Amino acid sequence: MERAQTQIMHSPTLDTVLMVERTLQDAKELIKVAELKRRLPRKVMHQTLMRILDYLQASGKILVTARGVVWTYTPHEAMEKLANRGLKP
């Protein structure tokens, strides 16, 4: 009898997701995935990083393009400050 192999997908830890978020926020520019990997304080497997980027894009925090990744999220408090200064979001 053959056993069916089940592949368990690894989920990134919250600490790793937050580390990637901080690195992208600090970049303040469009960066390639390879450059993002170099800037991370510790190594992250490529598949894990791609899963994190998928999550961040789905949650509206980043934009992933063919040219790279850029942080796009603006916290509610920052939007209120802009509105109070007369700027419309």
N, C-alpha and C. Protein backbone atom coordinates (compact mmCIF):
# COMPACT_ATOMS: atom_id res chain seq x y z
N MET A 1 0.84 -1.17 0.00
CA MET A 1 0.00 0.00 0.00
C MET A 1 0.89 1.24 0.00
N GLU A 2 0.63 2.17 -0.89
CA GLU A 2 1.40 3.41 -0.95
C GLU A 2 0.79 4.44 -0.02
N ARG A 3 1.66 5.19 0.61
CA ARG A 3 1.19 6.27 1.47
C ARG A 3 1.21 7.57 0.68
N ALA A 4 0.17 8.31 0.83
CA ALA A 4 0.13 9.62 0.17
C ALA A 4 0.98 10.58 0.97
N GLN A 5 1.85 11.29 0.28
CA GLN A 5 2.70 12.25 0.96
C GLN A 5 1.95 13.56 1.11
N THR A 6 1.93 14.05 2.32
CA THR A 6 1.30 15.33 2.60
C THR A 6 2.39 16.35 2.84
N GLN A 7 2.31 17.43 2.11
CA GLN A 7 3.30 18.48 2.27
C GLN A 7 2.71 19.54 3.19
N ILE A 8 3.40 19.78 4.28
CA ILE A 8 2.95 20.78 5.23
C ILE A 8 3.60 22.10 4.87
N MET A 9 2.78 23.13 4.69
CA MET A 9 3.30 24.44 4.33
C MET A 9 3.72 25.18 5.60
N HIS A 10 4.91 25.71 5.58
CA HIS A 10 5.44 26.47 6.72
C HIS A 10 4.85 27.87 6.71
N SER A 11 4.44 28.32 7.88
CA SER A 11 3.95 29.69 8.02
C SER A 11 5.00 30.53 8.72
N PRO A 12 5.23 31.75 8.23
CA PRO A 12 6.21 32.61 8.88
C PRO A 12 5.73 33.04 10.26
N THR A 13 6.67 33.29 11.14
CA THR A 13 6.31 33.76 12.48
C THR A 13 5.97 35.24 12.42
N LEU A 14 5.24 35.70 13.41
CA LEU A 14 4.88 37.12 13.49
C LEU A 14 6.15 37.97 13.54
N ASP A 15 7.16 37.51 14.26
CA ASP A 15 8.41 38.24 14.37
C ASP A 15 9.05 38.45 12.99
N THR A 16 8.99 37.43 12.15
CA THR A 16 9.57 37.53 10.81
C THR A 16 8.75 38.49 9.93
N VAL A 17 7.43 38.43 10.03
CA VAL A 17 6.57 39.33 9.26
C VAL A 17 6.86 40.78 9.66
N LEU A 18 6.96 41.03 10.97
CA LEU A 18 7.24 42.39 11.46
C LEU A 18 8.62 42.87 11.02
N MET A 19 9.60 41.96 10.99
CA MET A 19 10.94 42.31 10.56
C MET A 19 10.92 42.76 9.09
N VAL A 20 10.19 42.05 8.25
CA VAL A 20 10.10 42.41 6.84
C VAL A 20 9.37 43.75 6.70
N GLU A 21 8.28 43.94 7.46
CA GLU A 21 7.55 45.21 7.43
C GLU A 21 8.47 46.38 7.77
N ARG A 22 9.23 46.27 8.88
CA ARG A 22 10.12 47.35 9.31
C ARG A 22 11.17 47.65 8.24
N THR A 23 11.72 46.61 7.64
CA THR A 23 12.75 46.80 6.61
C THR A 23 12.18 47.53 5.40
N LEU A 24 10.97 47.18 5.00
CA LEU A 24 10.34 47.86 3.86
C LEU A 24 9.99 49.30 4.20
N GLN A 25 9.51 49.54 5.41
CA GLN A 25 9.19 50.92 5.82
C GLN A 25 10.45 51.78 5.84
N ASP A 26 11.53 51.24 6.35
CA ASP A 26 12.79 51.98 6.44
C ASP A 26 13.41 52.25 5.08
N ALA A 27 13.10 51.42 4.09
CA ALA A 27 13.69 51.57 2.76
C ALA A 27 13.26 52.88 2.11
N LYS A 28 12.01 53.29 2.30
CA LYS A 28 11.48 54.55 1.77
C LYS A 28 11.65 54.69 0.25
N GLU A 29 11.79 53.57 -0.44
CA GLU A 29 11.93 53.58 -1.89
C GLU A 29 11.61 52.20 -2.43
N LEU A 30 11.44 52.12 -3.73
CA LEU A 30 11.22 50.85 -4.40
C LEU A 30 12.51 50.04 -4.34
N ILE A 31 12.43 48.79 -3.86
CA ILE A 31 13.62 47.94 -3.83
C ILE A 31 13.28 46.57 -4.40
N LYS A 32 14.28 45.96 -4.99
CA LYS A 32 14.12 44.62 -5.55
C LYS A 32 14.10 43.60 -4.41
N VAL A 33 13.50 42.44 -4.67
CA VAL A 33 13.39 41.39 -3.65
C VAL A 33 14.79 40.96 -3.20
N ALA A 34 15.73 40.86 -4.12
CA ALA A 34 17.10 40.48 -3.76
C ALA A 34 17.71 41.50 -2.80
N GLU A 35 17.47 42.78 -3.04
CA GLU A 35 17.98 43.83 -2.16
C GLU A 35 17.29 43.76 -0.81
N LEU A 36 16.00 43.48 -0.80
CA LEU A 36 15.27 43.32 0.46
C LEU A 36 15.88 42.20 1.29
N LYS A 37 16.20 41.09 0.65
CA LYS A 37 16.83 39.96 1.36
C LYS A 37 18.14 40.40 2.00
N ARG A 38 18.93 41.19 1.27
CA ARG A 38 20.22 41.64 1.80
C ARG A 38 20.04 42.59 2.99
N ARG A 39 18.99 43.40 2.96
CA ARG A 39 18.77 44.38 4.03
C ARG A 39 18.16 43.78 5.30
N LEU A 40 17.59 42.59 5.20
CA LEU A 40 16.99 41.98 6.38
C LEU A 40 18.06 41.65 7.41
N PRO A 41 17.78 41.88 8.70
CA PRO A 41 18.77 41.62 9.75
C PRO A 41 19.16 40.15 9.88
N ARG A 42 18.27 39.26 9.48
CA ARG A 42 18.62 37.83 9.49
C ARG A 42 18.05 37.18 8.24
N LYS A 43 18.58 36.02 7.90
CA LYS A 43 18.18 35.35 6.66
C LYS A 43 16.76 34.82 6.75
N VAL A 44 16.07 34.89 5.62
CA VAL A 44 14.72 34.36 5.49
C VAL A 44 14.69 33.55 4.20
N MET A 45 14.11 32.36 4.26
CA MET A 45 14.01 31.53 3.07
C MET A 45 13.17 32.25 2.01
N HIS A 46 13.51 32.05 0.75
CA HIS A 46 12.84 32.74 -0.35
C HIS A 46 11.34 32.49 -0.34
N GLN A 47 10.92 31.23 -0.18
CA GLN A 47 9.49 30.91 -0.17
C GLN A 47 8.77 31.59 0.99
N THR A 48 9.42 31.67 2.13
CA THR A 48 8.85 32.33 3.29
C THR A 48 8.69 33.82 3.01
N LEU A 49 9.72 34.44 2.44
CA LEU A 49 9.66 35.86 2.12
C LEU A 49 8.55 36.14 1.11
N MET A 50 8.42 35.30 0.11
CA MET A 50 7.39 35.50 -0.90
C MET A 50 5.99 35.36 -0.28
N ARG A 51 5.85 34.47 0.66
CA ARG A 51 4.56 34.32 1.35
C ARG A 51 4.23 35.57 2.17
N ILE A 52 5.25 36.13 2.82
CA ILE A 52 5.06 37.36 3.59
C ILE A 52 4.68 38.50 2.65
N LEU A 53 5.36 38.61 1.52
CA LEU A 53 5.06 39.67 0.56
C LEU A 53 3.65 39.53 0.00
N ASP A 54 3.21 38.29 -0.24
CA ASP A 54 1.83 38.07 -0.69
C ASP A 54 0.84 38.57 0.36
N TYR A 55 1.11 38.25 1.62
CA TYR A 55 0.23 38.68 2.71
C TYR A 55 0.20 40.21 2.81
N LEU A 56 1.38 40.84 2.78
CA LEU A 56 1.45 42.30 2.91
C LEU A 56 0.76 43.00 1.74
N GLN A 57 0.86 42.44 0.55
CA GLN A 57 0.19 43.04 -0.60
C GLN A 57 -1.33 42.86 -0.47
N ALA A 58 -1.78 41.69 -0.05
CA ALA A 58 -3.21 41.44 0.12
C ALA A 58 -3.81 42.35 1.20
N SER A 59 -3.01 42.71 2.20
CA SER A 59 -3.51 43.57 3.28
C SER A 59 -3.36 45.06 2.95
N GLY A 60 -2.84 45.38 1.77
CA GLY A 60 -2.76 46.76 1.32
C GLY A 60 -1.59 47.55 1.89
N LYS A 61 -0.57 46.87 2.37
CA LYS A 61 0.57 47.57 2.96
C LYS A 61 1.71 47.80 1.97
N ILE A 62 1.80 46.95 0.95
CA ILE A 62 2.88 47.09 -0.04
C ILE A 62 2.30 46.93 -1.43
N LEU A 63 3.13 47.29 -2.39
CA LEU A 63 2.82 47.05 -3.80
C LEU A 63 4.01 46.30 -4.38
N VAL A 64 3.74 45.16 -4.97
CA VAL A 64 4.79 44.36 -5.60
C VAL A 64 4.63 44.50 -7.10
N THR A 65 5.69 44.97 -7.75
CA THR A 65 5.68 45.13 -9.21
C THR A 65 6.84 44.34 -9.80
N ALA A 66 6.94 44.35 -11.11
CA ALA A 66 8.05 43.68 -11.77
C ALA A 66 9.38 44.36 -11.44
N ARG A 67 9.32 45.64 -11.08
CA ARG A 67 10.54 46.39 -10.78
C ARG A 67 10.96 46.30 -9.32
N GLY A 68 10.06 45.84 -8.43
CA GLY A 68 10.42 45.73 -7.03
C GLY A 68 9.23 45.84 -6.11
N VAL A 69 9.53 46.14 -4.84
CA VAL A 69 8.54 46.21 -3.78
C VAL A 69 8.62 47.59 -3.14
N VAL A 70 7.46 48.18 -2.82
CA VAL A 70 7.45 49.49 -2.17
C VAL A 70 6.38 49.49 -1.08
N TRP A 71 6.70 50.14 0.04
CA TRP A 71 5.76 50.29 1.15
C TRP A 71 4.75 51.37 0.78
N THR A 72 3.45 51.08 0.92
CA THR A 72 2.42 52.05 0.54
C THR A 72 1.47 52.40 1.68
N TYR A 73 1.52 51.69 2.76
CA TYR A 73 0.55 51.87 3.84
C TYR A 73 0.79 53.17 4.61
N THR A 74 -0.29 53.91 4.86
CA THR A 74 -0.23 55.11 5.67
C THR A 74 -1.15 54.90 6.87
N PRO A 75 -0.61 54.91 8.08
CA PRO A 75 -1.45 54.69 9.26
C PRO A 75 -2.53 55.76 9.40
N HIS A 76 -3.60 55.43 10.07
CA HIS A 76 -4.74 56.32 10.25
C HIS A 76 -4.31 57.65 10.90
N GLU A 77 -3.41 57.59 11.87
CA GLU A 77 -2.96 58.81 12.56
C GLU A 77 -2.27 59.76 11.58
N ALA A 78 -1.46 59.22 10.69
CA ALA A 78 -0.76 60.06 9.72
C ALA A 78 -1.75 60.70 8.75
N MET A 79 -2.78 59.96 8.38
CA MET A 79 -3.80 60.51 7.49
C MET A 79 -4.56 61.64 8.18
N GLU A 80 -4.83 61.50 9.48
CA GLU A 80 -5.50 62.57 10.22
C GLU A 80 -4.65 63.83 10.27
N LYS A 81 -3.35 63.67 10.46
CA LYS A 81 -2.44 64.84 10.48
C LYS A 81 -2.46 65.55 9.14
N LEU A 82 -2.45 64.79 8.05
CA LEU A 82 -2.51 65.40 6.72
C LEU A 82 -3.83 66.15 6.52
N ALA A 83 -4.92 65.54 6.96
CA ALA A 83 -6.22 66.19 6.82
C ALA A 83 -6.30 67.47 7.66
N ASN A 84 -5.72 67.44 8.86
CA ASN A 84 -5.73 68.62 9.72
C ASN A 84 -4.92 69.77 9.15
N ARG A 85 -3.90 69.45 8.34
CA ARG A 85 -3.10 70.50 7.71
C ARG A 85 -3.73 70.96 6.41
N GLY A 86 -4.89 70.42 6.08
CA GLY A 86 -5.60 70.86 4.88
C GLY A 86 -5.34 70.01 3.65
N LEU A 87 -4.58 68.94 3.79
CA LEU A 87 -4.32 68.07 2.65
C LEU A 87 -5.35 66.95 2.64
N LYS A 88 -5.88 66.66 1.49
CA LYS A 88 -6.85 65.59 1.36
C LYS A 88 -6.13 64.31 0.94
N PRO A 89 -6.45 63.16 1.57
CA PRO A 89 -5.79 61.89 1.21
C PRO A 89 -6.17 61.41 -0.17
